[in-house]
Amino acid sequence: MNNKGFTFIEIIIVSAFIALLFSIAISKGDYSNYHLRIQSQQLCADIRNIRILKMTEGGLYNILLSNDHYKVLNGSKILKTVQLLSQHELLYGKNEIIFSYQGVPVHGGDTIRVRNKKNNRYMEITIVPASGRVLLKDEIYSP
């Protein structure tokens, strides 16, 4: 017999193989914006947390910023150290964030950028000087 064409099984096997290759290609996507957003949200939450702790409990809560990490402190006791991903860095005006009992920043307001060094995209966290509000702008900026 002279058979022309493909069997149903052959078509299913080839389709499954193509789907497998496609799923591997998609999983290698770029997650840099996702990681940038997560680290910015974490820093913003920590700043808001020390502000609330200072207003409710008192204490000597503050955050020390460095280019590749930050520390949450109560006096000299380190409560938390957060290491940024290797491709991220912090850009800031003041390296210490302290709030008064009223929730106002002691050293005035500041804008902190969490920046991806590979593509220069960044997110901004703003500490308003008069009120102490901590704002994370829900936008990823490009140079």
Protein backbone atom coordinates (compact mmCIF):
# COMPACT_ATOMS: atom_id res chain seq x y z
CA MET A 1 0.00 0.00 0.00
CA ASN A 2 1.09 3.48 -0.77
CA ASN A 3 0.34 5.68 2.32
CA LYS A 4 0.65 9.42 2.02
CA GLY A 5 0.35 11.86 4.93
CA PHE A 6 0.85 11.60 8.67
CA THR A 7 -0.89 9.52 11.26
CA PHE A 8 -2.74 11.10 14.14
CA ILE A 9 -0.09 9.87 16.63
CA GLU A 10 2.72 11.49 14.64
CA ILE A 11 0.90 14.82 14.63
CA ILE A 12 0.29 14.63 18.40
CA ILE A 13 3.97 13.84 19.11
CA VAL A 14 5.25 16.70 16.93
CA SER A 15 2.72 19.11 18.48
CA ALA A 16 3.78 18.10 22.00
CA PHE A 17 7.44 18.61 21.10
CA ILE A 18 6.75 22.10 19.69
CA ALA A 19 4.73 22.99 22.79
CA LEU A 20 7.60 21.86 25.02
CA LEU A 21 10.12 24.00 23.12
CA PHE A 22 7.75 26.98 23.25
CA SER A 23 7.26 26.65 27.03
CA ILE A 24 11.04 26.53 27.59
CA ALA A 25 11.53 29.66 25.48
CA ILE A 26 8.84 31.56 27.41
CA SER A 27 10.21 30.60 30.83
CA LYS A 28 13.53 32.30 30.03
CA GLY A 29 11.78 35.70 30.07
CA ASP A 30 13.06 38.92 31.60
CA TYR A 31 12.01 39.30 35.23
CA SER A 32 14.16 42.34 36.02
CA ASN A 33 11.17 44.68 36.37
CA TYR A 34 9.47 42.22 38.69
CA HIS A 35 12.50 42.02 41.00
CA LEU A 36 12.93 45.80 40.91
CA ARG A 37 9.31 46.28 41.96
CA ILE A 38 9.56 43.67 44.76
CA GLN A 39 12.70 45.19 46.28
CA SER A 40 11.23 48.71 46.08
CA GLN A 41 8.03 47.57 47.79
CA GLN A 42 10.02 45.84 50.53
CA LEU A 43 12.10 48.96 51.28
CA CYS A 44 8.98 51.13 51.26
CA ALA A 45 7.23 48.77 53.69
CA ASP A 46 10.24 48.80 56.02
CA ILE A 47 10.35 52.61 56.03
CA ARG A 48 6.63 52.79 56.77
CA ASN A 49 7.06 50.20 59.51
CA ILE A 50 9.78 52.11 61.39
CA ARG A 51 7.71 55.28 61.10
CA ILE A 52 4.73 53.55 62.73
CA LEU A 53 6.92 51.90 65.38
CA LYS A 54 8.47 55.25 66.27
CA MET A 55 5.05 56.88 66.63
CA THR A 56 3.52 54.05 68.68
CA GLU A 57 6.36 52.56 70.72
CA GLY A 58 9.00 55.28 70.73
CA GLY A 59 12.41 53.70 70.62
CA LEU A 60 15.34 54.59 68.41
CA TYR A 61 14.13 53.03 65.17
CA ASN A 62 15.99 53.99 62.01
CA ILE A 63 17.19 52.65 58.67
CA LEU A 64 20.79 52.87 57.46
CA LEU A 65 21.13 52.85 53.68
CA SER A 66 24.10 51.60 51.72
CA ASN A 67 24.50 51.10 47.97
CA ASP A 68 23.89 47.34 48.03
CA HIS A 69 21.93 46.79 51.27
CA TYR A 70 20.07 48.47 54.12
CA LYS A 71 19.70 47.78 57.82
CA VAL A 72 16.70 48.30 60.07
CA LEU A 73 17.86 49.22 63.59
CA ASN A 74 16.47 49.89 67.03
CA GLY A 75 19.29 51.84 68.63
CA SER A 76 22.41 49.76 67.99
CA LYS A 77 20.48 46.49 67.68
CA ILE A 78 20.12 45.28 64.08
CA LEU A 79 16.56 44.07 63.55
CA LYS A 80 16.88 43.25 59.87
CA THR A 81 19.47 43.40 57.10
CA VAL A 82 18.27 43.31 53.50
CA GLN A 83 20.80 42.55 50.79
CA LEU A 84 19.77 43.80 47.36
CA LEU A 85 20.16 41.66 44.28
CA SER A 86 23.56 42.06 42.64
CA GLN A 87 22.14 44.05 39.71
CA HIS A 88 20.34 46.54 41.99
CA GLU A 89 21.59 49.54 43.92
CA LEU A 90 20.18 52.25 46.16
CA LEU A 91 20.59 55.92 45.25
CA TYR A 92 19.77 58.34 48.07
CA GLY A 93 20.51 61.78 49.47
CA LYS A 94 20.78 60.88 53.13
CA ASN A 95 22.06 57.52 54.33
CA GLU A 96 19.93 57.46 57.49
CA ILE A 97 16.15 57.57 57.83
CA ILE A 98 14.86 58.61 61.25
CA PHE A 99 11.37 59.76 62.21
CA SER A 100 10.25 61.86 65.17
CA TYR A 101 7.46 60.84 67.54
CA GLN A 102 5.03 62.73 65.30
CA GLY A 103 6.06 60.67 62.26
CA VAL A 104 7.99 63.50 60.59
CA PRO A 105 11.45 62.73 59.16
CA VAL A 106 14.15 64.21 61.43
CA HIS A 107 16.58 65.03 58.60
CA GLY A 108 13.88 66.24 56.21
CA GLY A 109 12.40 64.44 53.25
CA ASP A 110 14.29 62.42 50.71
CA THR A 111 13.84 60.52 47.49
CA ILE A 112 15.36 57.05 47.33
CA ARG A 113 15.81 55.24 44.05
CA VAL A 114 16.12 51.50 43.66
CA ARG A 115 17.95 51.17 40.35
CA ASN A 116 18.73 48.24 38.09
CA LYS A 117 22.38 48.71 37.05
CA LYS A 118 21.99 46.64 33.87
CA ASN A 119 19.18 48.58 32.18
CA ASN A 120 19.19 51.79 34.34
CA ARG A 121 15.49 51.47 35.14
CA TYR A 122 14.48 52.59 38.61
CA MET A 123 11.63 53.11 41.04
CA GLU A 124 11.33 56.01 43.45
CA ILE A 125 10.35 56.13 47.11
CA THR A 126 9.62 59.62 48.39
CA ILE A 127 9.52 60.64 52.05
CA VAL A 128 7.50 63.85 52.30
CA PRO A 129 9.28 66.33 54.61
CA ALA A 130 6.25 68.03 56.20
CA SER A 131 4.04 65.02 56.88
CA GLY A 132 6.40 62.04 56.82
CA ARG A 133 4.25 60.14 54.35
CA VAL A 134 6.15 57.44 52.48
CA LEU A 135 5.16 57.18 48.84
CA LEU A 136 6.17 54.53 46.34
CA LYS A 137 5.50 55.72 42.83
CA ASP A 138 4.01 52.76 40.99
CA GLU A 139 5.99 53.40 37.84
CA ILE A 140 9.27 52.06 36.53
CA TYR A 141 11.29 54.90 35.05
CA SER A 142 13.69 54.53 32.13
CA PRO A 143 16.62 56.86 31.44
